[in-house]
N, C-alpha and C. Protein backbone atom coordinates (compact mmCIF):
# COMPACT_ATOMS: atom_id res chain seq x y z
N MET A 1 -42.14 -38.59 16.09
CA MET A 1 -42.20 -37.14 15.33
C MET A 1 -42.43 -37.13 13.48
N GLN A 2 -43.43 -36.67 13.16
CA GLN A 2 -43.35 -37.08 11.92
C GLN A 2 -41.72 -37.24 10.94
N ASN A 3 -41.68 -36.97 10.33
CA ASN A 3 -40.50 -36.75 9.69
C ASN A 3 -40.66 -35.60 8.09
N ILE A 4 -40.09 -34.61 8.71
CA ILE A 4 -40.37 -32.78 7.79
C ILE A 4 -38.46 -33.11 7.29
N GLN A 5 -39.42 -32.09 6.09
CA GLN A 5 -36.99 -31.31 5.23
C GLN A 5 -37.40 -30.26 6.00
N ILE A 6 -36.36 -29.76 7.24
CA ILE A 6 -35.66 -28.35 7.63
C ILE A 6 -35.34 -27.73 6.88
N ASP A 7 -35.40 -25.77 6.44
CA ASP A 7 -34.94 -25.15 5.27
C ASP A 7 -33.61 -25.07 6.42
N GLN A 8 -33.30 -23.46 5.47
CA GLN A 8 -32.24 -22.72 5.89
C GLN A 8 -33.22 -21.72 6.67
N THR A 9 -35.10 -21.64 6.15
CA THR A 9 -35.78 -20.50 6.85
C THR A 9 -36.04 -21.40 8.29
N ASP A 10 -36.32 -22.20 8.98
CA ASP A 10 -36.26 -23.07 9.71
C ASP A 10 -35.30 -23.08 11.12
N ARG A 11 -33.86 -23.21 9.82
CA ARG A 11 -32.82 -22.75 10.56
C ARG A 11 -32.85 -22.44 11.61
N LYS A 12 -33.45 -20.91 10.24
CA LYS A 12 -33.57 -19.50 11.72
C LYS A 12 -33.97 -19.04 12.14
N ILE A 13 -36.00 -19.85 12.02
CA ILE A 13 -36.60 -18.95 13.36
C ILE A 13 -36.42 -20.40 14.67
N LEU A 14 -36.48 -21.32 14.27
CA LEU A 14 -35.50 -22.36 15.73
C LEU A 14 -34.38 -21.69 16.09
N ASN A 15 -33.46 -20.63 15.33
CA ASN A 15 -32.48 -20.43 15.79
C ASN A 15 -32.49 -18.74 17.17
N PHE A 16 -33.42 -18.14 16.07
CA PHE A 16 -34.21 -17.36 16.78
C PHE A 16 -35.03 -17.58 18.05
N LEU A 17 -35.40 -17.78 18.35
CA LEU A 17 -36.27 -19.12 19.23
C LEU A 17 -35.69 -19.79 20.09
N VAL A 18 -34.54 -20.22 20.04
CA VAL A 18 -33.62 -21.04 21.01
C VAL A 18 -33.20 -20.11 22.37
N LYS A 19 -32.59 -18.94 21.14
CA LYS A 19 -32.26 -17.97 21.77
C LYS A 19 -32.39 -16.64 22.84
N ASN A 20 -34.26 -16.79 22.21
CA ASN A 20 -35.22 -15.68 22.84
C ASN A 20 -36.77 -16.26 22.38
N ALA A 21 -36.66 -17.44 23.51
CA ALA A 21 -38.87 -17.97 22.84
C ALA A 21 -39.65 -16.89 22.91
N ARG A 22 -39.74 -15.58 23.30
CA ARG A 22 -40.15 -14.48 23.12
C ARG A 22 -40.29 -13.47 22.17
N MET A 23 -40.16 -13.95 21.74
CA MET A 23 -38.43 -12.77 20.60
C MET A 23 -40.50 -12.43 19.53
N PRO A 24 -40.96 -11.81 19.03
CA PRO A 24 -42.08 -11.58 18.76
C PRO A 24 -42.15 -12.73 16.96
N TYR A 25 -43.36 -13.15 17.12
CA TYR A 25 -43.06 -13.33 15.34
C TYR A 25 -43.33 -12.51 14.10
N LEU A 26 -43.09 -11.27 14.49
CA LEU A 26 -43.13 -10.03 13.15
C LEU A 26 -41.66 -9.96 12.98
N GLU A 27 -41.06 -10.15 14.18
CA GLU A 27 -39.56 -9.40 14.11
C GLU A 27 -38.75 -10.42 13.80
N ILE A 28 -38.70 -12.01 13.85
CA ILE A 28 -38.44 -12.92 12.81
C ILE A 28 -39.18 -12.91 11.94
N ALA A 29 -40.05 -12.14 11.35
CA ALA A 29 -40.78 -12.06 9.90
C ALA A 29 -38.75 -11.48 9.81
N ARG A 30 -39.92 -10.35 10.01
CA ARG A 30 -38.22 -8.36 9.08
C ARG A 30 -36.96 -9.51 9.08
N GLU A 31 -36.44 -9.94 10.12
CA GLU A 31 -34.88 -10.96 9.97
C GLU A 31 -35.49 -12.43 9.00
N CYS A 32 -36.17 -12.70 8.90
CA CYS A 32 -36.03 -13.94 7.66
C CYS A 32 -37.01 -13.02 6.42
N GLY A 33 -37.29 -12.21 6.43
CA GLY A 33 -37.91 -11.62 5.46
C GLY A 33 -39.04 -12.48 4.91
N ILE A 34 -39.51 -13.02 5.51
CA ILE A 34 -41.44 -14.30 4.89
C ILE A 34 -42.09 -12.73 5.87
N SER A 35 -43.48 -13.29 5.75
CA SER A 35 -44.12 -12.53 6.96
C SER A 35 -44.63 -13.06 8.16
N GLY A 36 -45.54 -11.82 8.59
CA GLY A 36 -45.18 -12.37 10.27
C GLY A 36 -46.31 -14.46 9.91
N ALA A 37 -47.45 -14.15 8.92
CA ALA A 37 -48.27 -15.64 8.79
C ALA A 37 -47.02 -16.46 8.59
N ALA A 38 -47.13 -16.51 7.64
CA ALA A 38 -45.55 -17.89 7.49
C ALA A 38 -44.47 -17.65 9.03
N ILE A 39 -44.21 -17.36 9.41
CA ILE A 39 -43.59 -17.60 10.41
C ILE A 39 -44.64 -18.55 11.19
N HIS A 40 -45.41 -17.93 11.81
CA HIS A 40 -46.61 -19.00 12.64
C HIS A 40 -47.29 -19.90 12.51
N GLN A 41 -46.94 -20.01 10.78
CA GLN A 41 -46.92 -21.69 9.90
C GLN A 41 -46.16 -22.59 9.63
N ARG A 42 -44.77 -21.94 9.68
CA ARG A 42 -43.33 -22.33 9.88
C ARG A 42 -43.88 -23.02 11.05
N VAL A 43 -43.63 -22.36 12.46
CA VAL A 43 -43.58 -22.85 13.82
C VAL A 43 -44.83 -23.79 14.23
N LYS A 44 -45.63 -23.85 13.44
CA LYS A 44 -47.02 -24.63 14.22
C LYS A 44 -46.33 -25.57 13.26
N ARG A 45 -45.40 -25.70 12.02
CA ARG A 45 -45.32 -27.04 11.45
C ARG A 45 -44.09 -27.88 12.59
N LEU A 46 -43.73 -26.54 13.00
CA LEU A 46 -42.20 -27.33 13.88
C LEU A 46 -42.99 -28.10 14.65
N GLU A 47 -44.31 -27.24 15.54
CA GLU A 47 -44.42 -27.93 16.52
C GLU A 47 -45.27 -29.19 16.75
N SER A 48 -46.09 -29.28 15.34
CA SER A 48 -47.30 -30.94 14.80
C SER A 48 -46.47 -31.99 14.52
N ALA A 49 -44.16 -31.41 14.43
CA ALA A 49 -43.27 -32.33 13.99
C ALA A 49 -42.98 -32.76 14.80
N GLY A 50 -42.57 -31.93 16.17
CA GLY A 50 -42.49 -32.16 16.75
C GLY A 50 -40.46 -32.03 17.31
N ILE A 51 -40.38 -31.36 15.96
CA ILE A 51 -39.54 -30.08 17.27
C ILE A 51 -39.42 -29.19 17.25
N ILE A 52 -39.64 -28.98 17.99
CA ILE A 52 -40.24 -27.88 18.76
C ILE A 52 -40.97 -28.68 20.35
N THR A 53 -40.87 -28.82 21.51
CA THR A 53 -41.87 -29.27 21.58
C THR A 53 -42.21 -29.19 22.88
N GLY A 54 -41.91 -27.59 23.23
CA GLY A 54 -42.50 -26.51 23.47
C GLY A 54 -41.50 -24.95 24.13
N PHE A 55 -41.90 -24.48 24.90
CA PHE A 55 -41.02 -23.20 25.83
C PHE A 55 -42.24 -23.48 27.29
N ARG A 56 -40.60 -23.26 27.85
CA ARG A 56 -39.97 -23.15 29.27
C ARG A 56 -39.99 -21.57 30.08
N LEU A 57 -40.64 -21.78 30.98
CA LEU A 57 -40.47 -20.80 31.90
C LEU A 57 -39.14 -21.55 32.61
N LEU A 58 -37.68 -21.08 33.29
CA LEU A 58 -36.02 -21.36 33.47
C LEU A 58 -35.90 -20.77 34.79
N VAL A 59 -36.51 -20.66 36.26
CA VAL A 59 -36.29 -20.03 37.56
C VAL A 59 -35.07 -20.51 38.43
N LYS A 60 -34.06 -20.10 38.53
CA LYS A 60 -32.96 -20.78 39.23
C LYS A 60 -33.09 -21.04 40.95
N PRO A 61 -32.70 -22.39 40.72
CA PRO A 61 -33.33 -23.23 41.93
C PRO A 61 -32.34 -22.60 42.91
N GLU A 62 -31.25 -22.11 42.94
CA GLU A 62 -31.44 -20.57 44.95
C GLU A 62 -32.38 -19.46 44.50
N ALA A 63 -32.56 -18.85 44.00
CA ALA A 63 -34.22 -18.19 44.47
C ALA A 63 -35.10 -18.97 44.69
N LEU A 64 -35.08 -20.33 45.10
CA LEU A 64 -36.16 -21.07 45.56
C LEU A 64 -36.00 -21.32 46.68
N GLY A 65 -34.18 -21.66 47.96
CA GLY A 65 -33.30 -22.17 48.36
C GLY A 65 -33.13 -23.44 47.80
N ILE A 66 -33.02 -23.61 47.39
CA ILE A 66 -33.06 -25.35 47.01
C ILE A 66 -31.00 -25.23 45.97
N HIS A 67 -30.32 -25.59 46.79
CA HIS A 67 -28.46 -25.71 46.81
C HIS A 67 -27.78 -26.26 46.56
N ILE A 68 -28.94 -28.28 46.00
CA ILE A 68 -28.13 -28.79 45.88
C ILE A 68 -28.37 -29.67 44.62
N CYS A 69 -27.74 -28.96 43.45
CA CYS A 69 -27.90 -29.59 42.64
C CYS A 69 -27.20 -31.64 42.82
N ALA A 70 -26.80 -32.02 41.85
CA ALA A 70 -26.58 -33.84 42.38
C ALA A 70 -27.30 -34.51 40.53
N TYR A 71 -26.28 -34.94 40.53
CA TYR A 71 -26.80 -36.13 39.01
C TYR A 71 -26.07 -37.37 40.42
N ILE A 72 -27.61 -38.84 40.19
CA ILE A 72 -26.83 -40.28 40.08
C ILE A 72 -27.41 -40.96 39.50
N GLN A 73 -25.76 -41.76 38.99
CA GLN A 73 -25.76 -43.19 38.61
C GLN A 73 -26.33 -43.98 39.56
N ILE A 74 -27.14 -44.72 38.57
CA ILE A 74 -27.77 -45.74 39.47
C ILE A 74 -27.45 -47.17 38.39
N GLU A 75 -27.03 -48.57 39.29
CA GLU A 75 -27.38 -49.82 38.84
C GLU A 75 -28.18 -50.24 39.18
N LEU A 76 -29.51 -50.59 38.18
CA LEU A 76 -29.46 -51.56 38.57
C LEU A 76 -29.24 -53.52 38.81
N SER A 77 -30.68 -54.23 39.09
CA SER A 77 -30.34 -55.52 39.37
C SER A 77 -30.85 -56.13 37.69
N GLU A 78 -31.75 -55.28 37.74
CA GLU A 78 -31.63 -56.66 36.18
C GLU A 78 -32.08 -55.41 35.37
N GLY A 79 -31.39 -55.00 34.08
CA GLY A 79 -30.92 -54.70 33.06
C GLY A 79 -33.17 -53.89 32.26
N ASN A 80 -33.50 -54.79 31.73
CA ASN A 80 -34.75 -55.36 31.57
C ASN A 80 -35.74 -54.26 32.18
N LYS A 81 -35.53 -54.17 33.16
CA LYS A 81 -36.98 -54.10 34.12
C LYS A 81 -36.47 -52.68 33.83
N TYR A 82 -35.49 -51.02 33.43
CA TYR A 82 -35.65 -50.45 33.53
C TYR A 82 -36.39 -49.47 33.50
N LEU A 83 -37.87 -49.52 32.66
CA LEU A 83 -38.92 -48.92 32.16
C LEU A 83 -39.50 -48.88 33.18
N GLU A 84 -40.25 -49.71 34.05
CA GLU A 84 -40.13 -49.80 35.62
C GLU A 84 -39.27 -49.20 36.49
N VAL A 85 -37.86 -49.03 36.39
CA VAL A 85 -37.64 -47.93 37.55
C VAL A 85 -37.81 -46.86 37.10
N ILE A 86 -37.78 -45.82 35.48
CA ILE A 86 -38.39 -45.21 34.89
C ILE A 86 -39.47 -44.41 35.41
N GLU A 87 -40.39 -45.09 35.47
CA GLU A 87 -41.45 -44.86 35.80
C GLU A 87 -41.68 -44.63 37.42
N SER A 88 -41.19 -45.38 38.41
CA SER A 88 -41.22 -45.19 39.59
C SER A 88 -40.11 -43.59 39.88
N LEU A 89 -39.88 -43.15 39.45
CA LEU A 89 -37.70 -42.30 39.16
C LEU A 89 -39.04 -41.13 38.70
N LYS A 90 -40.55 -40.71 37.81
CA LYS A 90 -41.20 -39.75 37.68
C LYS A 90 -42.16 -39.25 38.59
N LYS A 91 -42.23 -39.80 39.53
CA LYS A 91 -42.81 -39.83 40.92
C LYS A 91 -42.70 -39.27 41.94
N VAL A 92 -40.76 -39.19 42.31
CA VAL A 92 -40.19 -38.56 43.33
C VAL A 92 -39.65 -36.84 42.27
N HIS A 93 -40.13 -35.83 42.98
CA HIS A 93 -40.07 -34.63 42.13
C HIS A 93 -38.80 -34.55 42.99
N GLU A 94 -38.45 -34.83 43.08
CA GLU A 94 -37.03 -34.41 43.04
C GLU A 94 -35.66 -33.94 41.70
N VAL A 95 -36.31 -35.23 41.17
CA VAL A 95 -35.76 -35.47 39.90
C VAL A 95 -35.92 -34.67 38.84
N VAL A 96 -35.26 -33.84 37.92
CA VAL A 96 -36.04 -33.66 36.65
C VAL A 96 -35.09 -33.45 35.52
N GLU A 97 -34.33 -34.69 35.68
CA GLU A 97 -33.95 -35.31 34.45
C GLU A 97 -33.85 -36.39 34.31
N CYS A 98 -33.79 -37.68 34.05
CA CYS A 98 -33.70 -39.31 33.41
C CYS A 98 -32.96 -39.22 32.36
N HIS A 99 -32.11 -40.10 32.11
CA HIS A 99 -31.15 -40.66 31.36
C HIS A 99 -30.81 -42.33 30.98
N PHE A 100 -30.94 -42.86 29.57
CA PHE A 100 -30.53 -43.77 29.57
C PHE A 100 -29.74 -44.68 29.17
N VAL A 101 -28.36 -44.72 29.83
CA VAL A 101 -26.78 -43.83 29.64
C VAL A 101 -25.49 -46.15 28.93
N THR A 102 -24.66 -46.52 29.32
CA THR A 102 -23.45 -47.10 28.54
C THR A 102 -23.08 -46.64 29.62
N GLY A 103 -21.96 -47.72 30.28
CA GLY A 103 -21.18 -48.28 30.86
C GLY A 103 -22.10 -48.95 32.36
N LYS A 104 -21.43 -48.93 33.37
CA LYS A 104 -22.27 -49.96 34.04
C LYS A 104 -23.30 -49.06 35.28
N TYR A 105 -23.16 -48.39 34.76
CA TYR A 105 -24.49 -47.94 35.67
C TYR A 105 -25.06 -47.69 34.62
N SER A 106 -27.05 -48.01 34.02
CA SER A 106 -28.01 -47.72 32.84
C SER A 106 -28.59 -46.86 33.52
N LEU A 107 -28.67 -45.80 34.13
CA LEU A 107 -29.11 -44.88 34.77
C LEU A 107 -28.87 -43.35 35.09
N LEU A 108 -28.95 -42.22 34.44
CA LEU A 108 -28.22 -41.18 35.02
C LEU A 108 -28.87 -40.01 35.69
N VAL A 109 -29.58 -39.96 36.70
CA VAL A 109 -30.86 -38.60 37.54
C VAL A 109 -30.51 -37.11 37.60
N LYS A 110 -30.73 -35.65 37.00
CA LYS A 110 -30.20 -34.76 38.26
C LYS A 110 -31.22 -34.42 38.50
N LEU A 111 -31.06 -34.78 39.60
CA LEU A 111 -31.64 -33.61 40.88
C LEU A 111 -31.51 -32.55 41.47
N TYR A 112 -32.61 -31.93 42.21
CA TYR A 112 -32.13 -30.97 43.51
C TYR A 112 -33.02 -30.51 44.35
N CYS A 113 -32.23 -31.24 45.67
CA CYS A 113 -32.79 -30.72 46.92
C CYS A 113 -32.07 -29.29 47.63
N MET A 114 -32.25 -29.63 48.65
CA MET A 114 -32.82 -27.75 49.25
C MET A 114 -31.10 -27.91 49.83
N ASP A 115 -30.68 -29.36 50.12
CA ASP A 115 -29.55 -28.84 50.97
C ASP A 115 -29.36 -30.08 51.60
N HIS A 116 -27.73 -31.15 52.26
CA HIS A 116 -26.87 -32.74 51.47
C HIS A 116 -29.03 -32.95 52.92
N GLU A 117 -28.81 -32.72 53.63
CA GLU A 117 -29.95 -33.18 54.06
C GLU A 117 -30.79 -34.23 53.59
N HIS A 118 -31.48 -33.12 52.66
CA HIS A 118 -32.91 -33.05 52.32
C HIS A 118 -32.67 -33.89 50.40
N LEU A 119 -31.23 -34.43 50.12
CA LEU A 119 -30.40 -34.37 49.27
C LEU A 119 -29.99 -36.57 49.98
N MET A 120 -29.54 -36.52 51.17
CA MET A 120 -29.29 -38.14 51.86
C MET A 120 -30.91 -38.43 52.27
N GLU A 121 -31.57 -37.78 52.58
CA GLU A 121 -33.23 -38.06 52.47
C GLU A 121 -33.55 -38.93 51.03
N VAL A 122 -33.79 -38.09 49.89
CA VAL A 122 -34.35 -39.28 48.84
C VAL A 122 -33.65 -39.82 48.42
N ILE A 123 -32.66 -39.98 48.56
CA ILE A 123 -31.25 -41.25 48.18
C ILE A 123 -31.62 -42.90 49.17
N VAL A 124 -31.60 -42.60 50.15
CA VAL A 124 -31.50 -43.38 51.27
C VAL A 124 -32.79 -44.38 50.92
N ASN A 125 -33.86 -42.56 51.71
CA ASN A 125 -35.43 -43.40 51.70
C ASN A 125 -36.50 -43.58 50.32
N THR A 126 -35.42 -42.91 49.50
CA THR A 126 -37.14 -42.92 48.78
C THR A 126 -35.66 -43.87 46.31
N LEU A 127 -35.23 -43.48 47.08
CA LEU A 127 -34.04 -43.86 45.02
C LEU A 127 -33.76 -45.21 45.60
N GLN A 128 -32.63 -45.80 46.63
CA GLN A 128 -32.26 -46.93 47.17
C GLN A 128 -33.83 -48.06 47.61
N LYS A 129 -35.38 -47.48 47.29
CA LYS A 129 -36.25 -48.62 47.94
C LYS A 129 -37.06 -48.69 46.82
N ILE A 130 -37.38 -48.47 45.46
CA ILE A 130 -37.48 -48.75 44.74
C ILE A 130 -36.99 -49.84 44.57
N PRO A 131 -37.68 -50.31 43.57
CA PRO A 131 -37.43 -52.18 43.40
C PRO A 131 -36.42 -51.72 41.59
N TYR A 132 -35.39 -52.90 42.25
CA TYR A 132 -34.69 -52.80 40.53
C TYR A 132 -33.57 -52.22 40.70
N ILE A 133 -33.09 -50.85 41.95
CA ILE A 133 -32.12 -49.83 41.85
C ILE A 133 -31.21 -51.02 42.25
N GLN A 134 -30.00 -51.29 42.19
CA GLN A 134 -29.06 -52.41 42.73
C GLN A 134 -28.18 -51.55 43.78
N SER A 135 -27.97 -50.45 42.77
CA SER A 135 -26.45 -49.36 43.73
C SER A 135 -26.80 -47.74 43.02
N THR A 136 -26.10 -47.19 44.30
CA THR A 136 -26.56 -45.94 43.06
C THR A 136 -24.83 -44.88 43.48
N GLU A 137 -24.82 -43.57 43.16
CA GLU A 137 -23.68 -43.27 42.53
C GLU A 137 -23.92 -41.41 42.53
N THR A 138 -23.26 -40.47 44.07
CA THR A 138 -23.56 -39.58 43.46
C THR A 138 -22.90 -38.14 43.39
N LEU A 139 -22.91 -37.77 42.35
CA LEU A 139 -21.95 -36.28 42.09
C LEU A 139 -22.02 -35.07 42.79
N LEU A 140 -21.94 -34.44 43.09
CA LEU A 140 -22.72 -33.34 43.66
C LEU A 140 -21.80 -31.90 42.04
N SER A 141 -23.01 -31.80 41.81
CA SER A 141 -22.93 -30.54 41.50
C SER A 141 -22.39 -29.17 41.99
N LEU A 142 -21.16 -27.75 41.76
CA LEU A 142 -20.01 -27.44 42.16
C LEU A 142 -20.97 -26.22 42.24
N GLN A 143 -20.86 -26.14 40.16
CA GLN A 143 -20.78 -24.86 39.24
C GLN A 143 -21.31 -25.75 38.39
N GLN A 144 -22.42 -24.41 38.08
CA GLN A 144 -22.25 -24.74 36.45
C GLN A 144 -22.08 -23.27 35.44
N PRO A 145 -20.85 -23.79 34.66
CA PRO A 145 -20.36 -22.21 33.89
C PRO A 145 -21.03 -22.52 32.83
N ILE A 146 -21.69 -23.35 31.77
CA ILE A 146 -22.59 -23.24 30.99
C ILE A 146 -24.39 -23.56 31.23
N GLU A 147 -24.62 -22.81 30.63
CA GLU A 147 -25.88 -23.01 30.59
C GLU A 147 -26.97 -23.11 29.22
N ARG A 148 -27.06 -24.15 28.24
CA ARG A 148 -27.18 -22.93 27.22
C ARG A 148 -28.04 -24.29 26.43
N GLN A 149 -29.19 -24.07 25.84
CA GLN A 149 -30.21 -24.56 24.80
C GLN A 149 -29.39 -25.49 23.29
N LEU A 150 -29.33 -26.80 22.81
CA LEU A 150 -29.01 -26.76 21.56
C LEU A 150 -29.03 -25.59 20.86
N TRP A 151 -27.75 -25.44 20.54
CA TRP A 151 -27.63 -25.08 18.65
C TRP A 151 -28.33 -25.32 18.34
N VAL A 152 -28.72 -24.32 17.20
CA VAL A 152 -29.24 -24.79 15.32
C VAL A 152 -28.89 -23.71 14.31
N GLU A 153 -28.21 -23.42 14.70
CA GLU A 153 -27.21 -22.31 13.68
C GLU A 153 -26.29 -22.66 13.30
N GLU A 154 -25.27 -23.14 14.20
CA GLU A 154 -23.81 -23.33 13.99
C GLU A 154 -23.44 -24.81 13.99
N PHE A 155 -24.83 -25.67 13.98
CA PHE A 155 -25.00 -27.18 13.99
C PHE A 155 -23.74 -27.98 12.74
N GLU A 156 -23.97 -26.74 11.90
CA GLU A 156 -23.67 -28.31 10.76
C GLU A 156 -21.83 -27.65 10.77
N ASN A 157 -21.74 -26.50 11.56
CA ASN A 157 -20.05 -25.64 11.13
C ASN A 157 -19.40 -26.29 12.62
N THR A 158 -19.14 -27.82 13.38
CA THR A 158 -18.70 -27.89 14.28
C THR A 158 -18.51 -29.61 14.29
N ARG A 159 -18.97 -29.91 12.74
CA ARG A 159 -18.57 -31.15 12.77
C ARG A 159 -17.44 -31.31 12.32
N PHE A 160 -16.50 -32.19 12.48
CA PHE A 160 -15.22 -32.37 12.28
C PHE A 160 -15.49 -33.04 10.66
N ASN A 161 -14.55 -32.18 10.07
CA ASN A 161 -13.93 -32.31 8.73
C ASN A 161 -12.68 -32.75 8.00
N SER A 162 -12.25 -33.90 7.30
CA SER A 162 -10.98 -33.55 7.57
C SER A 162 -10.37 -32.65 6.51
N ASN A 163 -11.71 -31.85 6.10
CA ASN A 163 -10.90 -31.11 4.44
C ASN A 163 -10.38 -28.94 5.57
N PRO A 164 -10.35 -28.68 6.04
CA PRO A 164 -10.43 -27.40 7.35
C PRO A 164 -10.69 -26.88 5.65
N GLN A 165 -10.09 -26.42 4.31
CA GLN A 165 -10.28 -25.60 3.81
C GLN A 165 -11.66 -25.64 3.01
N GLN A 166 -11.86 -27.72 3.25
CA GLN A 166 -13.79 -27.04 1.86
C GLN A 166 -14.72 -26.11 2.96
N ASP A 167 -14.02 -26.97 4.63
CA ASP A 167 -14.97 -26.64 5.53
C ASP A 167 -15.13 -24.42 5.43
N SER A 168 -14.02 -23.92 5.54
CA SER A 168 -13.83 -22.45 5.27
C SER A 168 -14.84 -21.88 4.95
N LYS A 169 -14.01 -23.12 3.26
CA LYS A 169 -15.33 -22.53 1.73
C LYS A 169 -16.57 -22.34 1.99
N LYS A 170 -17.34 -23.57 2.78
CA LYS A 170 -18.74 -24.01 2.43
C LYS A 170 -18.79 -22.34 3.67
N ALA A 171 -17.95 -22.37 4.96
CA ALA A 171 -18.78 -21.26 5.90
C ALA A 171 -18.83 -19.83 4.89
N GLU A 172 -17.72 -19.42 4.19
CA GLU A 172 -17.19 -17.84 3.54
C GLU A 172 -18.87 -17.65 2.32
N VAL A 173 -19.63 -19.00 1.43
CA VAL A 173 -20.35 -18.95 1.20
C VAL A 173 -21.52 -19.07 1.96
N LYS A 174 -21.76 -19.85 3.60
CA LYS A 174 -22.98 -19.93 3.67
C LYS A 174 -23.06 -18.20 4.18
N LYS A 175 -21.81 -17.80 4.90
CA LYS A 175 -21.92 -16.49 5.06
C LYS A 175 -22.62 -15.51 3.96
N CYS A 176 -22.37 -15.75 2.94
CA CYS A 176 -23.34 -15.08 2.08
C CYS A 176 -23.93 -15.02 1.48
N GLN A 177 -24.90 -15.84 1.39
CA GLN A 177 -26.55 -16.45 1.11
C GLN A 177 -27.01 -16.17 2.12
N GLY A 178 -26.46 -16.10 3.56
CA GLY A 178 -27.24 -15.55 4.97
C GLY A 178 -27.78 -13.57 4.47
N THR A 179 -26.56 -13.07 3.97
CA THR A 179 -26.74 -11.58 4.09
C THR A 179 -27.57 -11.70 3.66
N LYS A 180 -29.00 -10.24 4.00
CA LYS A 180 -29.68 -9.99 4.08
C LYS A 180 -30.26 -8.87 3.71
N LYS A 181 -30.78 -8.62 2.88
CA LYS A 181 -30.23 -7.85 1.42
C LYS A 181 -31.27 -6.72 1.57
N LYS A 182 -30.89 -5.68 1.78
CA LYS A 182 -31.48 -4.14 2.14
C LYS A 182 -32.24 -3.94 1.42
């Protein structure tokens, strides 16, 4: 990812696209007070820089008969073999995310299965047979009450600040600067 400066207009564009990736560029342009061509150029620049990594269609797993979401913590027998384990995990279609984490376990994977039997099959006959996986611990998701993308516009306002008065003054100034002239 190349290092580029993201200005307030880029943040506004990202904020709109995170909320609705199908929002027309002309509508974003009106909200930002610049041309549609400028929005298109900025989005292309953000894509080229690797800041925008794609646009996705999200499907509810339940609609496809997939009723189990699980997180599996994986302990490795040899920590330096994690890249080989990750390559093997990429071949397991049920795995949708993999994170290299701190703590007792080296990897945390998220996967979807049709039911408990399918989950057990994946764990026992697939994951636990991958070389260098020493042990696993499974966490079942019972509900997902929050599902959202990374926030863009509000990011700076959520940081801890030891001076709350100064933080609220900055927010007021920002609010005034963000008000669009009609």
